[in-house]
Amino acid sequence: MSGPRIIRVVCPHCQGRGYFADGVRCTVCAGSERISADDARAFAIDQRRAADANGPGELSWPQKRKCAAVAERVFETLHELPPWRRHYAWENAQ
């Protein structure tokens, strides 16, 4: 075994608060403040897809960077290589 296995992480959408400032419950963790590692991976992949789907223009770039940063941070927390970088690691290993 290479180390402890991470099975739950702080919700990346509400940063572990469970609720937003206006009192609305977080749609990702449903107010429980933590989500499973599988749900975190799925959320990160959705965020990366959202970042890649944004169209060109000055207004979309800040949101694109934010979505991509959230996706990178989730995989960094899980100590895993993101799927969008795996092919680079595989090509460099050969």
C-alpha atoms as a PDB file:
ATOM      1  CA  MET A   1       0.000   0.000   0.000  1.00  0.00           C
ATOM      2  CA  SER A   2       1.420   3.359  -0.999  1.00  0.00           C
ATOM      3  CA  GLY A   3      -0.274   5.505   1.637  1.00  0.00           C
ATOM      4  CA  PRO A   4      -3.596   6.384   3.197  1.00  0.00           C
ATOM      5  CA  ARG A   5      -6.548   6.280   0.849  1.00  0.00           C
ATOM      6  CA  ILE A   6      -8.630   9.445   0.637  1.00  0.00           C
ATOM      7  CA  ILE A   7     -12.321   8.583   0.637  1.00  0.00           C
ATOM      8  CA  ARG A   8     -13.979  11.899   1.557  1.00  0.00           C
ATOM      9  CA  VAL A   9     -12.953  15.474   0.815  1.00  0.00           C
ATOM     10  CA  VAL A  10     -14.196  18.935   1.683  1.00  0.00           C
ATOM     11  CA  CYS A  11     -16.789  20.042  -0.845  1.00  0.00           C
ATOM     12  CA  PRO A  12     -15.020  22.073  -3.546  1.00  0.00           C
ATOM     13  CA  HIS A  13     -18.206  23.938  -4.475  1.00  0.00           C
ATOM     14  CA  CYS A  14     -19.014  25.511  -1.092  1.00  0.00           C
ATOM     15  CA  GLN A  15     -15.515  25.061   0.431  1.00  0.00           C
ATOM     16  CA  GLY A  16     -16.954  22.899   3.217  1.00  0.00           C
ATOM     17  CA  ARG A  17     -19.554  25.333   4.505  1.00  0.00           C
ATOM     18  CA  GLY A  18     -22.601  23.357   3.311  1.00  0.00           C
ATOM     19  CA  TYR A  19     -24.548  26.543   2.666  1.00  0.00           C
ATOM     20  CA  PHE A  20     -23.911  29.676   0.648  1.00  0.00           C
ATOM     21  CA  ALA A  21     -24.038  33.241   1.975  1.00  0.00           C
ATOM     22  CA  ASP A  22     -27.691  33.654   0.964  1.00  0.00           C
ATOM     23  CA  GLY A  23     -28.706  30.555   2.965  1.00  0.00           C
ATOM     24  CA  VAL A  24     -29.094  28.262  -0.042  1.00  0.00           C
ATOM     25  CA  ARG A  25     -27.903  24.703   0.536  1.00  0.00           C
ATOM     26  CA  CYS A  26     -24.980  23.537  -1.620  1.00  0.00           C
ATOM     27  CA  THR A  27     -26.139  21.448  -4.562  1.00  0.00           C
ATOM     28  CA  VAL A  28     -22.994  19.300  -4.610  1.00  0.00           C
ATOM     29  CA  CYS A  29     -22.750  18.180  -0.968  1.00  0.00           C
ATOM     30  CA  ALA A  30     -26.410  18.850  -0.037  1.00  0.00           C
ATOM     31  CA  GLY A  31     -25.289  20.622   3.135  1.00  0.00           C
ATOM     32  CA  SER A  32     -23.115  17.796   4.491  1.00  0.00           C
ATOM     33  CA  GLU A  33     -19.883  19.782   3.889  1.00  0.00           C
ATOM     34  CA  ARG A  34     -17.981  16.718   2.584  1.00  0.00           C
ATOM     35  CA  ILE A  35     -18.315  14.534  -0.504  1.00  0.00           C
ATOM     36  CA  SER A  36     -16.905  11.190  -1.534  1.00  0.00           C
ATOM     37  CA  ALA A  37     -13.727  11.014  -3.589  1.00  0.00           C
ATOM     38  CA  ASP A  38     -15.716   9.653  -6.547  1.00  0.00           C
ATOM     39  CA  ASP A  39     -18.128  12.598  -6.408  1.00  0.00           C
ATOM     40  CA  ALA A  40     -15.178  14.980  -6.139  1.00  0.00           C
ATOM     41  CA  ARG A  41     -13.595  13.434  -9.250  1.00  0.00           C
ATOM     42  CA  ALA A  42     -16.868  13.762 -11.158  1.00  0.00           C
ATOM     43  CA  PHE A  43     -17.256  17.380 -10.029  1.00  0.00           C
ATOM     44  CA  ALA A  44     -13.680  18.181 -11.093  1.00  0.00           C
ATOM     45  CA  ILE A  45     -14.193  16.645 -14.522  1.00  0.00           C
ATOM     46  CA  ASP A  46     -17.428  18.638 -14.932  1.00  0.00           C
ATOM     47  CA  GLN A  47     -15.584  21.819 -13.949  1.00  0.00           C
ATOM     48  CA  ARG A  48     -12.848  21.094 -16.488  1.00  0.00           C
ATOM     49  CA  ARG A  49     -15.445  20.480 -19.203  1.00  0.00           C
ATOM     50  CA  ALA A  50     -17.126  23.763 -18.290  1.00  0.00           C
ATOM     51  CA  ALA A  51     -13.781  25.536 -18.535  1.00  0.00           C
ATOM     52  CA  ASP A  52     -13.116  24.052 -21.961  1.00  0.00           C
ATOM     53  CA  ALA A  53     -16.653  24.827 -23.184  1.00  0.00           C
ATOM     54  CA  ASN A  54     -16.528  28.558 -22.460  1.00  0.00           C
ATOM     55  CA  GLY A  55     -16.399  30.581 -25.627  1.00  0.00           C
ATOM     56  CA  PRO A  56     -13.822  33.205 -26.506  1.00  0.00           C
ATOM     57  CA  GLY A  57     -14.018  36.672 -25.030  1.00  0.00           C
ATOM     58  CA  GLU A  58     -12.652  38.679 -22.155  1.00  0.00           C
ATOM     59  CA  LEU A  59     -15.555  37.977 -19.816  1.00  0.00           C
ATOM     60  CA  SER A  60     -15.262  34.211 -20.058  1.00  0.00           C
ATOM     61  CA  TRP A  61     -11.551  33.975 -19.189  1.00  0.00           C
ATOM     62  CA  PRO A  62     -11.834  34.636 -15.423  1.00  0.00           C
ATOM     63  CA  GLN A  63     -14.561  32.024 -15.095  1.00  0.00           C
ATOM     64  CA  LYS A  64     -12.590  29.601 -17.260  1.00  0.00           C
ATOM     65  CA  ARG A  65      -9.505  29.994 -15.067  1.00  0.00           C
ATOM     66  CA  LYS A  66     -11.602  29.538 -11.920  1.00  0.00           C
ATOM     67  CA  CYS A  67     -13.212  26.307 -13.179  1.00  0.00           C
ATOM     68  CA  ALA A  68      -9.862  24.904 -14.299  1.00  0.00           C
ATOM     69  CA  ALA A  69      -8.252  25.807 -10.959  1.00  0.00           C
ATOM     70  CA  VAL A  70     -11.008  24.036  -9.025  1.00  0.00           C
ATOM     71  CA  ALA A  71     -10.540  20.924 -11.160  1.00  0.00           C
ATOM     72  CA  GLU A  72      -6.763  20.951 -10.654  1.00  0.00           C
ATOM     73  CA  ARG A  73      -7.142  21.486  -6.905  1.00  0.00           C
ATOM     74  CA  VAL A  74      -9.485  18.500  -6.506  1.00  0.00           C
ATOM     75  CA  PHE A  75      -7.095  16.110  -8.240  1.00  0.00           C
ATOM     76  CA  GLU A  76      -4.165  17.585  -6.317  1.00  0.00           C
ATOM     77  CA  THR A  77      -6.027  16.915  -3.055  1.00  0.00           C
ATOM     78  CA  LEU A  78      -6.686  13.318  -4.121  1.00  0.00           C
ATOM     79  CA  HIS A  79      -2.996  12.895  -5.092  1.00  0.00           C
ATOM     80  CA  GLU A  80      -4.010  11.741  -8.569  1.00  0.00           C
ATOM     81  CA  LEU A  81      -3.042  12.716 -12.082  1.00  0.00           C
ATOM     82  CA  PRO A  82      -5.973  14.408 -13.843  1.00  0.00           C
ATOM     83  CA  PRO A  83      -7.321  12.582 -16.906  1.00  0.00           C
ATOM     84  CA  TRP A  84      -6.528  15.543 -19.163  1.00  0.00           C
ATOM     85  CA  ARG A  85      -2.826  15.177 -18.285  1.00  0.00           C
ATOM     86  CA  ARG A  86      -2.502  11.398 -18.345  1.00  0.00           C
ATOM     87  CA  HIS A  87      -1.710  11.184 -22.046  1.00  0.00           C
ATOM     88  CA  TYR A  88       1.214  13.584 -21.599  1.00  0.00           C
ATOM     89  CA  ALA A  89       2.622  11.448 -18.788  1.00  0.00           C
ATOM     90  CA  TRP A  90       2.184   8.294 -20.868  1.00  0.00           C
ATOM     91  CA  GLU A  91       3.894   9.826 -23.923  1.00  0.00           C
ATOM     92  CA  ASN A  92       6.826  11.097 -21.848  1.00  0.00           C
ATOM     93  CA  ALA A  93       7.273   7.716 -20.151  1.00  0.00           C
ATOM     94  CA  GLN A  94       7.919   5.956 -23.439  1.00  0.00           C
END
